[in-house]
Amino acid sequence: MKRLVLLIVLVFFLLVGCNGGNGVVPPPPEEEIPVELIREYTGRDNVTRWSDGVVSVCDITGKTETIWQEINKIIDGSVLFQLTSDTVAEIGIEYFDIEFPFFFGISTESFEFTSYGVGIHSLVKPEDIDVYTQICLIGAGISEKKAVEGFSSSVKTVLYWLYKLEPGYSLI
């Protein structure tokens, strides 16, 4: 009987692992955090991102739903960008009659985004998905300069790690 109990315990630890039984397996040792890439794409020395949970996005243009879905798939985790019609959302996207292709403003507190406003020039054609992709990547935390790359493998890697690391995580 003792051997059976010992065997059951051994099988349990082999299946669950030795991580306290929470089912979370740390990344393999060969998978290093690409800190230089994250710094390059975010323009920051610390991880600055949305806090864990649902982040509301009000898109007056109605053109970014599939882009937010793609971002949610990439980060697959602690933050979920969710479209809403509430104009007091944490991220707001709307048309502005301004002289630049887009404009943005952001508020942060303790390495966490607290609000984000994004404008798209009123002359941008609604079918121009590249502009909307850039806007959403900036809203998710990629710097304006790097957002123009769209969903390159580097952008996907940065988004993935940006939302796996804790806000404030030092990249230097």
C-alpha atoms as a PDB file:
ATOM      1  CA  MET A   1       0.000   0.000   0.000  1.00  0.00           C
ATOM      2  CA  LYS A   2       2.850   2.398   0.832  1.00  0.00           C
ATOM      3  CA  ARG A   3       4.399   1.710  -2.579  1.00  0.00           C
ATOM      4  CA  LEU A   4       1.118   2.548  -4.311  1.00  0.00           C
ATOM      5  CA  VAL A   5       0.835   5.859  -2.429  1.00  0.00           C
ATOM      6  CA  LEU A   6       4.481   6.643  -3.201  1.00  0.00           C
ATOM      7  CA  LEU A   7       3.916   5.820  -6.874  1.00  0.00           C
ATOM      8  CA  ILE A   8       0.810   8.058  -7.015  1.00  0.00           C
ATOM      9  CA  VAL A   9       2.719  10.941  -5.382  1.00  0.00           C
ATOM     10  CA  LEU A  10       5.638  10.469  -7.795  1.00  0.00           C
ATOM     11  CA  VAL A  11       3.330  10.440 -10.841  1.00  0.00           C
ATOM     12  CA  PHE A  12       1.547  13.541  -9.512  1.00  0.00           C
ATOM     13  CA  PHE A  13       4.838  15.473  -9.201  1.00  0.00           C
ATOM     14  CA  LEU A  14       5.946  14.354 -12.648  1.00  0.00           C
ATOM     15  CA  LEU A  15       2.669  15.542 -14.170  1.00  0.00           C
ATOM     16  CA  VAL A  16       2.400  18.806 -12.238  1.00  0.00           C
ATOM     17  CA  GLY A  17       6.083  19.587 -11.881  1.00  0.00           C
ATOM     18  CA  CYS A  18       7.916  20.979  -8.919  1.00  0.00           C
ATOM     19  CA  ASN A  19       6.536  24.493  -9.194  1.00  0.00           C
ATOM     20  CA  GLY A  20       4.123  24.331  -6.292  1.00  0.00           C
ATOM     21  CA  GLY A  21       1.358  22.744  -8.337  1.00  0.00           C
ATOM     22  CA  ASN A  22       0.075  25.995  -9.826  1.00  0.00           C
ATOM     23  CA  GLY A  23       0.413  24.739 -13.399  1.00  0.00           C
ATOM     24  CA  VAL A  24       2.650  27.661 -14.417  1.00  0.00           C
ATOM     25  CA  VAL A  25       5.838  26.551 -16.079  1.00  0.00           C
ATOM     26  CA  PRO A  26       8.633  29.135 -16.281  1.00  0.00           C
ATOM     27  CA  PRO A  27      10.148  29.815 -19.715  1.00  0.00           C
ATOM     28  CA  PRO A  28      13.004  27.503 -20.662  1.00  0.00           C
ATOM     29  CA  PRO A  29      16.457  28.813 -19.654  1.00  0.00           C
ATOM     30  CA  GLU A  30      17.427  29.276 -23.318  1.00  0.00           C
ATOM     31  CA  GLU A  31      14.533  31.714 -23.779  1.00  0.00           C
ATOM     32  CA  GLU A  32      16.084  34.999 -22.720  1.00  0.00           C
ATOM     33  CA  ILE A  33      14.121  38.209 -22.356  1.00  0.00           C
ATOM     34  CA  PRO A  34      14.960  40.407 -25.380  1.00  0.00           C
ATOM     35  CA  VAL A  35      15.540  43.553 -23.301  1.00  0.00           C
ATOM     36  CA  GLU A  36      17.370  45.499 -26.027  1.00  0.00           C
ATOM     37  CA  LEU A  37      14.577  44.789 -28.517  1.00  0.00           C
ATOM     38  CA  ILE A  38      11.929  45.873 -25.999  1.00  0.00           C
ATOM     39  CA  ARG A  39      13.869  49.084 -25.279  1.00  0.00           C
ATOM     40  CA  GLU A  40      14.194  49.780 -29.007  1.00  0.00           C
ATOM     41  CA  TYR A  41      10.498  49.276 -29.710  1.00  0.00           C
ATOM     42  CA  THR A  42       9.086  51.012 -26.640  1.00  0.00           C
ATOM     43  CA  GLY A  43      11.642  53.790 -26.231  1.00  0.00           C
ATOM     44  CA  ARG A  44      11.776  53.121 -22.487  1.00  0.00           C
ATOM     45  CA  ASP A  45      14.236  51.717 -19.957  1.00  0.00           C
ATOM     46  CA  ASN A  46      11.499  50.143 -17.828  1.00  0.00           C
ATOM     47  CA  VAL A  47       8.447  48.141 -18.809  1.00  0.00           C
ATOM     48  CA  THR A  48       5.573  50.598 -19.071  1.00  0.00           C
ATOM     49  CA  ARG A  49       2.314  48.911 -19.959  1.00  0.00           C
ATOM     50  CA  TRP A  50      -1.339  48.615 -19.031  1.00  0.00           C
ATOM     51  CA  SER A  51      -2.042  47.040 -15.649  1.00  0.00           C
ATOM     52  CA  ASP A  52      -3.389  43.498 -15.607  1.00  0.00           C
ATOM     53  CA  GLY A  53      -7.077  43.164 -16.377  1.00  0.00           C
ATOM     54  CA  VAL A  54      -9.458  44.539 -18.984  1.00  0.00           C
ATOM     55  CA  VAL A  55      -8.460  47.737 -20.800  1.00  0.00           C
ATOM     56  CA  SER A  56     -11.440  49.485 -22.378  1.00  0.00           C
ATOM     57  CA  VAL A  57     -11.027  50.859 -25.899  1.00  0.00           C
ATOM     58  CA  CYS A  58     -13.552  53.259 -27.439  1.00  0.00           C
ATOM     59  CA  ASP A  59     -12.981  53.443 -31.185  1.00  0.00           C
ATOM     60  CA  ILE A  60     -15.161  56.137 -32.760  1.00  0.00           C
ATOM     61  CA  THR A  61     -13.743  55.186 -36.187  1.00  0.00           C
ATOM     62  CA  GLY A  62     -14.952  51.595 -35.895  1.00  0.00           C
ATOM     63  CA  LYS A  63     -11.866  50.384 -37.810  1.00  0.00           C
ATOM     64  CA  THR A  64      -9.625  48.681 -35.237  1.00  0.00           C
ATOM     65  CA  GLU A  65     -11.484  45.655 -33.876  1.00  0.00           C
ATOM     66  CA  THR A  66      -9.449  43.036 -35.757  1.00  0.00           C
ATOM     67  CA  ILE A  67      -6.200  44.786 -34.803  1.00  0.00           C
ATOM     68  CA  TRP A  68      -7.050  44.681 -31.086  1.00  0.00           C
ATOM     69  CA  GLN A  69      -8.010  41.026 -31.499  1.00  0.00           C
ATOM     70  CA  GLU A  70      -4.577  40.349 -33.002  1.00  0.00           C
ATOM     71  CA  ILE A  71      -2.848  42.196 -30.146  1.00  0.00           C
ATOM     72  CA  ASN A  72      -4.876  40.154 -27.632  1.00  0.00           C
ATOM     73  CA  LYS A  73      -3.792  36.936 -29.374  1.00  0.00           C
ATOM     74  CA  ILE A  74      -0.135  37.982 -29.294  1.00  0.00           C
ATOM     75  CA  ILE A  75      -0.033  38.933 -25.615  1.00  0.00           C
ATOM     76  CA  ASP A  76      -2.314  36.027 -24.637  1.00  0.00           C
ATOM     77  CA  GLY A  77      -2.473  36.807 -21.016  1.00  0.00           C
ATOM     78  CA  SER A  78      -2.916  39.204 -18.213  1.00  0.00           C
ATOM     79  CA  VAL A  79      -4.288  42.154 -20.231  1.00  0.00           C
ATOM     80  CA  LEU A  80      -7.334  42.103 -22.489  1.00  0.00           C
ATOM     81  CA  PHE A  81      -8.082  45.059 -24.774  1.00  0.00           C
ATOM     82  CA  GLN A  82     -11.861  45.211 -25.089  1.00  0.00           C
ATOM     83  CA  LEU A  83     -13.862  47.482 -27.397  1.00  0.00           C
ATOM     84  CA  THR A  84     -16.636  49.515 -25.854  1.00  0.00           C
ATOM     85  CA  SER A  85     -18.922  52.384 -26.830  1.00  0.00           C
ATOM     86  CA  ASP A  86     -18.146  54.164 -23.548  1.00  0.00           C
ATOM     87  CA  THR A  87     -16.399  57.435 -24.419  1.00  0.00           C
ATOM     88  CA  VAL A  88     -14.709  57.448 -21.006  1.00  0.00           C
ATOM     89  CA  ALA A  89     -12.674  54.372 -21.963  1.00  0.00           C
ATOM     90  CA  GLU A  90      -9.010  54.082 -21.047  1.00  0.00           C
ATOM     91  CA  ILE A  91      -8.036  54.245 -24.735  1.00  0.00           C
ATOM     92  CA  GLY A  92      -9.909  56.567 -27.063  1.00  0.00           C
ATOM     93  CA  ILE A  93      -9.535  56.519 -30.849  1.00  0.00           C
ATOM     94  CA  GLU A  94     -11.225  59.156 -32.973  1.00  0.00           C
ATOM     95  CA  TYR A  95     -10.803  61.361 -36.027  1.00  0.00           C
ATOM     96  CA  PHE A  96      -9.171  64.754 -35.561  1.00  0.00           C
ATOM     97  CA  ASP A  97      -8.866  67.539 -38.085  1.00  0.00           C
ATOM     98  CA  ILE A  98      -5.139  68.072 -37.588  1.00  0.00           C
ATOM     99  CA  GLU A  99      -2.095  68.467 -39.827  1.00  0.00           C
ATOM    100  CA  PHE A 100      -0.381  65.168 -38.968  1.00  0.00           C
ATOM    101  CA  PRO A 101      -1.317  61.595 -39.927  1.00  0.00           C
ATOM    102  CA  PHE A 102      -2.093  60.964 -36.270  1.00  0.00           C
ATOM    103  CA  PHE A 103      -1.611  62.453 -32.859  1.00  0.00           C
ATOM    104  CA  PHE A 104      -1.467  60.826 -29.473  1.00  0.00           C
ATOM    105  CA  GLY A 105      -1.223  61.581 -25.811  1.00  0.00           C
ATOM    106  CA  ILE A 106      -0.696  59.333 -22.839  1.00  0.00           C
ATOM    107  CA  SER A 107      -0.787  59.408 -19.055  1.00  0.00           C
ATOM    108  CA  THR A 108       1.237  57.008 -16.934  1.00  0.00           C
ATOM    109  CA  GLU A 109       1.522  56.325 -13.242  1.00  0.00           C
ATOM    110  CA  SER A 110       4.036  53.934 -11.654  1.00  0.00           C
ATOM    111  CA  PHE A 111       4.949  52.418 -15.030  1.00  0.00           C
ATOM    112  CA  GLU A 112       1.300  51.694 -15.858  1.00  0.00           C
ATOM    113  CA  PHE A 113      -0.700  53.489 -18.527  1.00  0.00           C
ATOM    114  CA  THR A 114      -3.741  55.216 -17.048  1.00  0.00           C
ATOM    115  CA  SER A 115      -5.214  56.875 -20.128  1.00  0.00           C
ATOM    116  CA  TYR A 116      -4.478  57.181 -23.801  1.00  0.00           C
ATOM    117  CA  GLY A 117      -5.965  59.395 -26.498  1.00  0.00           C
ATOM    118  CA  VAL A 118      -5.318  58.803 -30.163  1.00  0.00           C
ATOM    119  CA  GLY A 119      -6.374  60.895 -33.123  1.00  0.00           C
ATOM    120  CA  ILE A 120      -6.444  59.967 -36.784  1.00  0.00           C
ATOM    121  CA  HIS A 121      -6.377  62.658 -39.459  1.00  0.00           C
ATOM    122  CA  SER A 122      -9.804  63.096 -40.965  1.00  0.00           C
ATOM    123  CA  LEU A 123      -8.369  62.674 -44.493  1.00  0.00           C
ATOM    124  CA  VAL A 124      -7.026  59.152 -43.804  1.00  0.00           C
ATOM    125  CA  LYS A 125      -8.938  56.689 -45.931  1.00  0.00           C
ATOM    126  CA  PRO A 126     -10.972  54.239 -43.827  1.00  0.00           C
ATOM    127  CA  GLU A 127      -9.461  51.283 -45.694  1.00  0.00           C
ATOM    128  CA  ASP A 128      -5.905  52.270 -44.712  1.00  0.00           C
ATOM    129  CA  ILE A 129      -5.338  49.442 -42.238  1.00  0.00           C
ATOM    130  CA  ASP A 130      -1.650  50.353 -41.763  1.00  0.00           C
ATOM    131  CA  VAL A 131      -2.528  53.608 -40.021  1.00  0.00           C
ATOM    132  CA  TYR A 132      -4.992  51.878 -37.708  1.00  0.00           C
ATOM    133  CA  THR A 133      -2.419  49.177 -36.933  1.00  0.00           C
ATOM    134  CA  GLN A 134       0.121  51.861 -36.006  1.00  0.00           C
ATOM    135  CA  ILE A 135      -2.418  53.592 -33.768  1.00  0.00           C
ATOM    136  CA  CYS A 136      -3.258  50.370 -31.930  1.00  0.00           C
ATOM    137  CA  LEU A 137       0.387  49.396 -31.480  1.00  0.00           C
ATOM    138  CA  ILE A 138       1.131  52.823 -30.011  1.00  0.00           C
ATOM    139  CA  GLY A 139      -1.877  52.409 -27.715  1.00  0.00           C
ATOM    140  CA  ALA A 140      -0.549  49.007 -26.604  1.00  0.00           C
ATOM    141  CA  GLY A 141       2.906  50.406 -25.809  1.00  0.00           C
ATOM    142  CA  ILE A 142       5.071  50.325 -28.949  1.00  0.00           C
ATOM    143  CA  SER A 143       6.776  53.658 -29.725  1.00  0.00           C
ATOM    144  CA  GLU A 144       5.509  55.701 -32.681  1.00  0.00           C
ATOM    145  CA  LYS A 145       8.756  55.221 -34.620  1.00  0.00           C
ATOM    146  CA  LYS A 146       8.554  51.413 -34.393  1.00  0.00           C
ATOM    147  CA  ALA A 147       4.772  51.077 -34.720  1.00  0.00           C
ATOM    148  CA  VAL A 148       5.025  51.763 -38.465  1.00  0.00           C
ATOM    149  CA  GLU A 149       6.441  48.256 -38.903  1.00  0.00           C
ATOM    150  CA  GLY A 150       3.035  46.738 -38.213  1.00  0.00           C
ATOM    151  CA  PHE A 151       2.957  43.167 -36.949  1.00  0.00           C
ATOM    152  CA  SER A 152       6.518  42.194 -37.828  1.00  0.00           C
ATOM    153  CA  SER A 153       8.046  39.302 -35.901  1.00  0.00           C
ATOM    154  CA  SER A 154       9.957  41.859 -33.797  1.00  0.00           C
ATOM    155  CA  VAL A 155       6.768  43.730 -32.872  1.00  0.00           C
ATOM    156  CA  LYS A 156       5.083  40.458 -31.955  1.00  0.00           C
ATOM    157  CA  THR A 157       8.044  39.479 -29.776  1.00  0.00           C
ATOM    158  CA  VAL A 158       8.044  42.869 -28.027  1.00  0.00           C
ATOM    159  CA  LEU A 159       4.287  42.800 -27.382  1.00  0.00           C
ATOM    160  CA  TYR A 160       4.506  39.247 -26.044  1.00  0.00           C
ATOM    161  CA  TRP A 161       7.310  40.061 -23.592  1.00  0.00           C
ATOM    162  CA  LEU A 162       6.024  43.519 -22.701  1.00  0.00           C
ATOM    163  CA  TYR A 163       2.888  41.921 -21.271  1.00  0.00           C
ATOM    164  CA  LYS A 164       4.678  38.947 -19.682  1.00  0.00           C
ATOM    165  CA  LEU A 165       6.920  41.219 -17.623  1.00  0.00           C
ATOM    166  CA  GLU A 166       5.682  43.252 -14.692  1.00  0.00           C
ATOM    167  CA  PRO A 167       5.202  47.020 -15.021  1.00  0.00           C
ATOM    168  CA  GLY A 168       8.405  48.747 -13.894  1.00  0.00           C
ATOM    169  CA  TYR A 169      10.649  45.794 -14.810  1.00  0.00           C
ATOM    170  CA  SER A 170      14.103  47.276 -15.493  1.00  0.00           C
ATOM    171  CA  LEU A 171      15.386  46.814 -19.043  1.00  0.00           C
ATOM    172  CA  ILE A 172      18.868  48.161 -18.268  1.00  0.00           C
END
